[in-house]
Amino acid sequence: MVNRIENGDGPTSDQKSGEKLTRGRNSYYSEGKVSGVFNYRSGVKNGPTQLLHENGKILISGQHRGGKMTGTWYYYGLNGEVTDVVDYVNDLRHGEWIGFYPSGGLLEIVHYQRDKKHGLYKRFTMSGKINLTGRYRQDKKVGLWRVYHHDTGEYIRTEKWDNDVLIGVSGSQWSETGG
């Protein structure tokens, strides 16, 4: 639990704009360990940001601009392994989200538009084979989704989705699901 926040180097001025900057503002766990390092410009988060696990390893690393998450952010597990890589624009997921298994293998790729799943989706098995592919439109499954066996990667079935409602499944023929 975060207990307190302190300034690091204290306020300074940006040489170009003359704006007051605070560099290295830290937050701390109750035991006194640093839980986060933030940079501020005119009282608003700006620049590199890091949150730390209690063991001192990085939990989250990214950039703030105008107080909002922007650019590529990295999320880490307790042992320092990358768990997710996420693109943000103005605090919203926008672009690609890549998730990883704890072993480091690729788990999934999700595309976002204004914080909603939108576009191609792919999930992979631990051995790196495709497990599921499909598309989202505004957070809802649409179109054809292909399902593959989680061990062998062999094709199993195709599902047809419309606005997040399953309307058909095929092996060799379509069958209606009553959706």
Foldseek 3Di string as FASTA:
>chain_A
DWDDKAFDPDWDADPPPRWIKTFFIFIADPVGHTQKTFIDTNRATFAWIFGADPVGATAKIAGDDRNATAAWMFGADPVGATAWIFGDDRNAGAAWIWGADPVGHTAKIFGDHRNATAAWIWGAAPVGATAKIFGDHRNATAAKMWGADNPPNHTDWIFGDDRNDTQWIDDPDTDGPPD
